């Protein structure tokens, strides 16, 4: 994605979410978004097999109501 496209995406998203961003803030957010997208592409391109990452089973602790 081109830098100008990312800036327009950030501006449009901010407007739809009601977030007031000036030009400097828009540029900073767009820069971070591009950096994050680049890191995600690197991670996504790395080949992993199902056995490479063992999935843990989430077991929440039992709920104990507070005496108060």
PDB file of N, CA and C in Angstrom:
ATOM      1  N   UNK A   1       0.849  -1.178   0.000  1.00  0.00           N
ATOM      2  CA  UNK A   1       0.000   0.000   0.000  1.00  0.00           C
ATOM      3  C   UNK A   1       0.894   1.241   0.000  1.00  0.00           C
ATOM      4  N   UNK A   2       0.526   2.198  -0.796  1.00  0.00           N
ATOM      5  CA  UNK A   2       1.294   3.434  -0.894  1.00  0.00           C
ATOM      6  C   UNK A   2       1.048   4.323   0.319  1.00  0.00           C
ATOM      7  N   UNK A   3       2.027   5.171   0.618  1.00  0.00           N
ATOM      8  CA  UNK A   3       1.945   6.044   1.787  1.00  0.00           C
ATOM      9  C   UNK A   3       0.695   6.922   1.757  1.00  0.00           C
ATOM     10  N   UNK A   4       0.378   7.467   0.604  1.00  0.00           N
ATOM     11  CA  UNK A   4      -0.799   8.341   0.486  1.00  0.00           C
ATOM     12  C   UNK A   4      -2.088   7.554   0.728  1.00  0.00           C
ATOM     13  N   UNK A   5      -2.118   6.303   0.260  1.00  0.00           N
ATOM     14  CA  UNK A   5      -3.295   5.458   0.490  1.00  0.00           C
ATOM     15  C   UNK A   5      -3.494   5.198   1.980  1.00  0.00           C
ATOM     16  N   UNK A   6      -2.390   4.956   2.695  1.00  0.00           N
ATOM     17  CA  UNK A   6      -2.475   4.698   4.139  1.00  0.00           C
ATOM     18  C   UNK A   6      -2.949   5.951   4.859  1.00  0.00           C
ATOM     19  N   UNK A   7      -2.435   7.114   4.461  1.00  0.00           N
ATOM     20  CA  UNK A   7      -2.872   8.368   5.087  1.00  0.00           C
ATOM     21  C   UNK A   7      -4.378   8.573   4.883  1.00  0.00           C
ATOM     22  N   UNK A   8      -4.865   8.309   3.677  1.00  0.00           N
ATOM     23  CA  UNK A   8      -6.297   8.467   3.397  1.00  0.00           C
ATOM     24  C   UNK A   8      -7.114   7.474   4.216  1.00  0.00           C
ATOM     25  N   UNK A   9      -6.619   6.249   4.368  1.00  0.00           N
ATOM     26  CA  UNK A   9      -7.295   5.251   5.195  1.00  0.00           C
ATOM     27  C   UNK A   9      -7.390   5.733   6.643  1.00  0.00           C
ATOM     28  N   UNK A  10      -6.269   6.254   7.164  1.00  0.00           N
ATOM     29  CA  UNK A  10      -6.246   6.743   8.551  1.00  0.00           C
ATOM     30  C   UNK A  10      -7.212   7.918   8.710  1.00  0.00           C
ATOM     31  N   UNK A  11      -7.187   8.853   7.771  1.00  0.00           N
ATOM     32  CA  UNK A  11      -8.075  10.017   7.855  1.00  0.00           C
ATOM     33  C   UNK A  11      -9.546   9.595   7.821  1.00  0.00           C
ATOM     34  N   UNK A  12      -9.867   8.686   6.910  1.00  0.00           N
ATOM     35  CA  UNK A  12     -11.248   8.227   6.780  1.00  0.00           C
ATOM     36  C   UNK A  12     -11.687   7.466   8.026  1.00  0.00           C
ATOM     37  N   UNK A  13     -10.827   6.571   8.520  1.00  0.00           N
ATOM     38  CA  UNK A  13     -11.153   5.799   9.718  1.00  0.00           C
ATOM     39  C   UNK A  13     -11.352   6.714  10.919  1.00  0.00           C
ATOM     40  N   UNK A  14     -10.467   7.688  11.068  1.00  0.00           N
ATOM     41  CA  UNK A  14     -10.574   8.621  12.187  1.00  0.00           C
ATOM     42  C   UNK A  14     -11.882   9.413  12.109  1.00  0.00           C
ATOM     43  N   UNK A  15     -12.224   9.853  10.916  1.00  0.00           N
ATOM     44  CA  UNK A  15     -13.468  10.617  10.744  1.00  0.00           C
ATOM     45  C   UNK A  15     -14.676   9.755  11.088  1.00  0.00           C
ATOM     46  N   UNK A  16     -14.701   8.495  10.611  1.00  0.00           N
ATOM     47  CA  UNK A  16     -15.830   7.602  10.897  1.00  0.00           C
ATOM     48  C   UNK A  16     -15.937   7.261  12.378  1.00  0.00           C
ATOM     49  N   UNK A  17     -14.785   7.235  13.075  1.00  0.00           N
ATOM     50  CA  UNK A  17     -14.782   6.933  14.506  1.00  0.00           C
ATOM     51  C   UNK A  17     -14.937   8.180  15.375  1.00  0.00           C
ATOM     52  N   UNK A  18     -14.970   9.340  14.744  1.00  0.00           N
ATOM     53  CA  UNK A  18     -15.123  10.587  15.486  1.00  0.00           C
ATOM     54  C   UNK A  18     -13.862  10.995  16.222  1.00  0.00           C
ATOM     55  N   UNK A  19     -12.707  10.611  15.687  1.00  0.00           N
ATOM     56  CA  UNK A  19     -11.425  10.966  16.306  1.00  0.00           C
ATOM     57  C   UNK A  19     -10.819  12.164  15.587  1.00  0.00           C
ATOM     58  N   UNK A  20     -10.650  13.273  16.276  1.00  0.00           N
ATOM     59  CA  UNK A  20     -10.057  14.444  15.629  1.00  0.00           C
ATOM     60  C   UNK A  20      -8.542  14.277  15.500  1.00  0.00           C
ATOM     61  N   UNK A  21      -8.048  14.153  14.269  1.00  0.00           N
ATOM     62  CA  UNK A  21      -6.608  14.052  14.016  1.00  0.00           C
ATOM     63  C   UNK A  21      -6.181  15.194  13.104  1.00  0.00           C
ATOM     64  N   UNK A  22      -5.133  15.894  13.510  1.00  0.00           N
ATOM     65  CA  UNK A  22      -4.583  16.903  12.604  1.00  0.00           C
ATOM     66  C   UNK A  22      -3.629  16.198  11.635  1.00  0.00           C
ATOM     67  N   UNK A  23      -3.032  16.949  10.711  1.00  0.00           N
ATOM     68  CA  UNK A  23      -2.168  16.360   9.686  1.00  0.00           C
ATOM     69  C   UNK A  23      -0.953  15.655  10.286  1.00  0.00           C
ATOM     70  N   UNK A  24      -0.366  16.243  11.315  1.00  0.00           N
ATOM     71  CA  UNK A  24       0.815  15.638  11.944  1.00  0.00           C
ATOM     72  C   UNK A  24       0.451  14.313  12.617  1.00  0.00           C
ATOM     73  N   UNK A  25      -0.669  14.291  13.316  1.00  0.00           N
ATOM     74  CA  UNK A  25      -1.114  13.062  13.969  1.00  0.00           C
ATOM     75  C   UNK A  25      -1.455  11.985  12.934  1.00  0.00           C
ATOM     76  N   UNK A  26      -2.100  12.393  11.857  1.00  0.00           N
ATOM     77  CA  UNK A  26      -2.448  11.460  10.791  1.00  0.00           C
ATOM     78  C   UNK A  26      -1.190  10.824  10.208  1.00  0.00           C
ATOM     79  N   UNK A  27      -0.172  11.633   9.995  1.00  0.00           N
ATOM     80  CA  UNK A  27       1.087  11.116   9.456  1.00  0.00           C
ATOM     81  C   UNK A  27       1.727  10.117  10.413  1.00  0.00           C
ATOM     82  N   UNK A  28       1.734  10.432  11.703  1.00  0.00           N
ATOM     83  CA  UNK A  28       2.335   9.516  12.686  1.00  0.00           C
ATOM     84  C   UNK A  28       1.573   8.199  12.757  1.00  0.00           C
ATOM     85  N   UNK A  29       0.245   8.275  12.772  1.00  0.00           N
ATOM     86  CA  UNK A  29      -0.558   7.051  12.823  1.00  0.00           C
ATOM     87  C   UNK A  29      -0.323   6.225  11.557  1.00  0.00           C
ATOM     88  N   UNK A  30      -0.284   6.878  10.408  1.00  0.00           N
ATOM     89  CA  UNK A  30      -0.057   6.173   9.143  1.00  0.00           C
ATOM     90  C   UNK A  30       1.313   5.500   9.127  1.00  0.00           C
ATOM     91  N   UNK A  31       2.327   6.166   9.661  1.00  0.00           N
ATOM     92  CA  UNK A  31       3.668   5.595   9.725  1.00  0.00           C
ATOM     93  C   UNK A  31       3.668   4.335  10.583  1.00  0.00           C
ATOM     94  N   UNK A  32       3.037   4.406  11.744  1.00  0.00           N
ATOM     95  CA  UNK A  32       2.974   3.237  12.633  1.00  0.00           C
ATOM     96  C   UNK A  32       2.153   2.109  12.005  1.00  0.00           C
ATOM     97  N   UNK A  33       1.077   2.462  11.322  1.00  0.00           N
ATOM     98  CA  UNK A  33       0.247   1.453  10.670  1.00  0.00           C
ATOM     99  C   UNK A  33       1.028   0.740   9.571  1.00  0.00           C
ATOM    100  N   UNK A  34       1.792   1.488   8.773  1.00  0.00           N
ATOM    101  CA  UNK A  34       2.610   0.877   7.729  1.00  0.00           C
ATOM    102  C   UNK A  34       3.669  -0.041   8.335  1.00  0.00           C
ATOM    103  N   UNK A  35       4.289   0.393   9.420  1.00  0.00           N
ATOM    104  CA  UNK A  35       5.305  -0.424  10.090  1.00  0.00           C
ATOM    105  C   UNK A  35       4.685  -1.708  10.633  1.00  0.00           C
ATOM    106  N   UNK A  36       3.510  -1.592  11.237  1.00  0.00           N
ATOM    107  CA  UNK A  36       2.827  -2.764  11.774  1.00  0.00           C
ATOM    108  C   UNK A  36       2.425  -3.727  10.655  1.00  0.00           C
ATOM    109  N   UNK A  37       1.949  -3.187   9.553  1.00  0.00           N
ATOM    110  CA  UNK A  37       1.572  -4.029   8.409  1.00  0.00           C
ATOM    111  C   UNK A  37       2.790  -4.759   7.848  1.00  0.00           C
ATOM    112  N   UNK A  38       3.933  -4.086   7.794  1.00  0.00           N
ATOM    113  CA  UNK A  38       5.154  -4.721   7.300  1.00  0.00           C
ATOM    114  C   UNK A  38       5.581  -5.866   8.219  1.00  0.00           C
ATOM    115  N   UNK A  39       5.477  -5.662   9.536  1.00  0.00           N
ATOM    116  CA  UNK A  39       5.827  -6.731  10.481  1.00  0.00           C
ATOM    117  C   UNK A  39       4.857  -7.898  10.342  1.00  0.00           C
ATOM    118  N   UNK A  40       3.574  -7.602  10.157  1.00  0.00           N
ATOM    119  CA  UNK A  40       2.581  -8.662  10.001  1.00  0.00           C
ATOM    120  C   UNK A  40       2.836  -9.476   8.733  1.00  0.00           C
ATOM    121  N   UNK A  41       3.248  -8.810   7.667  1.00  0.00           N
ATOM    122  CA  UNK A  41       3.575  -9.523   6.423  1.00  0.00           C
ATOM    123  C   UNK A  41       4.742 -10.483   6.638  1.00  0.00           C
ATOM    124  N   UNK A  42       5.762 -10.038   7.377  1.00  0.00           N
ATOM    125  CA  UNK A  42       6.903 -10.910   7.660  1.00  0.00           C
ATOM    126  C   UNK A  42       6.469 -12.127   8.461  1.00  0.00           C
ATOM    127  N   UNK A  43       5.654 -11.913   9.477  1.00  0.00           N
ATOM    128  CA  UNK A  43       5.176 -13.027  10.292  1.00  0.00           C
ATOM    129  C   UNK A  43       4.282 -13.961   9.489  1.00  0.00           C
ATOM    130  N   UNK A  44       3.430 -13.386   8.669  1.00  0.00           N
ATOM    131  CA  UNK A  44       2.503 -14.177   7.872  1.00  0.00           C
ATOM    132  C   UNK A  44       3.232 -15.022   6.827  1.00  0.00           C
ATOM    133  N   UNK A  45       4.365 -14.539   6.351  1.00  0.00           N
ATOM    134  CA  UNK A  45       5.126 -15.254   5.324  1.00  0.00           C
ATOM    135  C   UNK A  45       5.966 -16.393   5.895  1.00  0.00           C
ATOM    136  N   UNK A  46       6.155 -16.410   7.220  1.00  0.00           N
ATOM    137  CA  UNK A  46       6.984 -17.442   7.839  1.00  0.00           C
ATOM    138  C   UNK A  46       6.210 -18.750   7.898  1.00  0.00           C
ATOM    139  N   UNK A  47       6.769 -19.806   7.300  1.00  0.00           N
ATOM    140  CA  UNK A  47       6.024 -21.071   7.272  1.00  0.00           C
ATOM    141  C   UNK A  47       6.028 -21.762   8.638  1.00  0.00           C
ATOM    142  N   UNK A  48       4.859 -22.087   9.128  1.00  0.00           N
ATOM    143  CA  UNK A  48       4.709 -22.819  10.391  1.00  0.00           C
ATOM    144  C   UNK A  48       3.855 -24.055  10.156  1.00  0.00           C
ATOM    145  N   UNK A  49       4.233 -25.113  10.807  1.00  0.00           N
ATOM    146  CA  UNK A  49       3.427 -26.329  10.787  1.00  0.00           C
ATOM    147  C   UNK A  49       2.558 -26.344  12.045  1.00  0.00           C
ATOM    148  N   UNK A  50       1.547 -27.178  12.054  1.00  0.00           N
ATOM    149  CA  UNK A  50       0.662 -27.252  13.219  1.00  0.00           C
ATOM    150  C   UNK A  50       1.422 -27.608  14.490  1.00  0.00           C
ATOM    151  N   UNK A  51       2.462 -28.407  14.378  1.00  0.00           N
ATOM    152  CA  UNK A  51       3.220 -28.841  15.549  1.00  0.00           C
ATOM    153  C   UNK A  51       4.245 -27.818  16.029  1.00  0.00           C
ATOM    154  N   UNK A  52       4.436 -26.743  15.296  1.00  0.00           N
ATOM    155  CA  UNK A  52       5.430 -25.731  15.674  1.00  0.00           C
ATOM    156  C   UNK A  52       5.004 -24.916  16.890  1.00  0.00           C
ATOM    157  N   UNK A  53       3.720 -24.781  17.087  1.00  0.00           N
ATOM    158  CA  UNK A  53       3.221 -23.994  18.214  1.00  0.00           C
ATOM    159  C   UNK A  53       2.107 -24.772  18.901  1.00  0.00           C
ATOM    160  N   UNK A  54       2.381 -25.219  20.093  1.00  0.00           N
ATOM    161  CA  UNK A  54       1.400 -25.987  20.839  1.00  0.00           C
ATOM    162  C   UNK A  54       0.347 -25.039  21.401  1.00  0.00           C
ATOM    163  N   UNK A  55      -0.883 -25.370  21.188  1.00  0.00           N
ATOM    164  CA  UNK A  55      -1.983 -24.543  21.681  1.00  0.00           C
ATOM    165  C   UNK A  55      -2.266 -24.923  23.129  1.00  0.00           C
ATOM    166  N   UNK A  56      -2.295 -23.925  23.988  1.00  0.00           N
ATOM    167  CA  UNK A  56      -2.624 -24.152  25.380  1.00  0.00           C
ATOM    168  C   UNK A  56      -4.140 -24.128  25.544  1.00  0.00           C
ATOM    169  N   UNK A  57      -4.627 -24.861  26.488  1.00  0.00           N
ATOM    170  CA  UNK A  57      -6.054 -24.872  26.799  1.00  0.00           C
ATOM    171  C   UNK A  57      -6.293 -23.851  27.899  1.00  0.00           C
ATOM    172  N   UNK A  58      -7.195 -22.926  27.651  1.00  0.00           N
ATOM    173  CA  UNK A  58      -7.509 -21.898  28.634  1.00  0.00           C
ATOM    174  C   UNK A  58      -8.464 -22.458  29.673  1.00  0.00           C
ATOM    175  N   UNK A  59      -8.051 -22.428  30.919  1.00  0.00           N
ATOM    176  CA  UNK A  59      -8.890 -22.876  32.028  1.00  0.00           C
ATOM    177  C   UNK A  59      -8.975 -21.729  33.028  1.00  0.00           C
ATOM    178  N   UNK A  60     -10.071 -20.984  33.034  1.00  0.00           N
ATOM    179  CA  UNK A  60     -10.175 -19.861  33.964  1.00  0.00           C
ATOM    180  C   UNK A  60     -10.223 -20.342  35.414  1.00  0.00           C
ATOM    181  N   UNK A  61      -9.715 -19.510  36.282  1.00  0.00           N
ATOM    182  CA  UNK A  61      -9.772 -19.823  37.709  1.00  0.00           C
ATOM    183  C   UNK A  61     -11.221 -19.798  38.153  1.00  0.00           C
ATOM    184  N   UNK A  62     -11.576 -20.580  39.152  1.00  0.00           N
ATOM    185  CA  UNK A  62     -12.966 -20.567  39.621  1.00  0.00           C
ATOM    186  C   UNK A  62     -13.321 -19.196  40.196  1.00  0.00           C
ATOM    187  N   UNK A  63     -14.545 -18.808  39.990  1.00  0.00           N
ATOM    188  CA  UNK A  63     -15.021 -17.509  40.488  1.00  0.00           C
ATOM    189  C   UNK A  63     -15.349 -17.635  41.972  1.00  0.00           C
ATOM    190  N   UNK A  64     -14.747 -16.772  42.746  1.00  0.00           N
ATOM    191  CA  UNK A  64     -15.011 -16.719  44.182  1.00  0.00           C
ATOM    192  C   UNK A  64     -15.529 -15.316  44.491  1.00  0.00           C
ATOM    193  N   UNK A  65     -16.806 -15.207  44.851  1.00  0.00           N
ATOM    194  CA  UNK A  65     -17.371 -13.877  45.113  1.00  0.00           C
ATOM    195  C   UNK A  65     -16.666 -13.194  46.283  1.00  0.00           C
ATOM    196  N   UNK A  66     -16.557 -11.907  46.180  1.00  0.00           N
ATOM    197  CA  UNK A  66     -15.962 -11.110  47.229  1.00  0.00           C
ATOM    198  C   UNK A  66     -16.914 -11.042  48.426  1.00  0.00           C
ATOM    199  N   UNK A  67     -16.386 -11.103  49.664  1.00  0.00           N
ATOM    200  CA  UNK A  67     -17.271 -11.024  50.826  1.00  0.00           C
ATOM    201  C   UNK A  67     -17.874  -9.643  51.028  1.00  0.00           C
ATOM    202  N   UNK A  68     -17.459  -8.660  50.263  1.00  0.00           N
ATOM    203  CA  UNK A  68     -17.961  -7.289  50.438  1.00  0.00           C
ATOM    204  C   UNK A  68     -19.101  -7.036  49.548  1.00  0.00           C
TER     205      UNK A  68
END
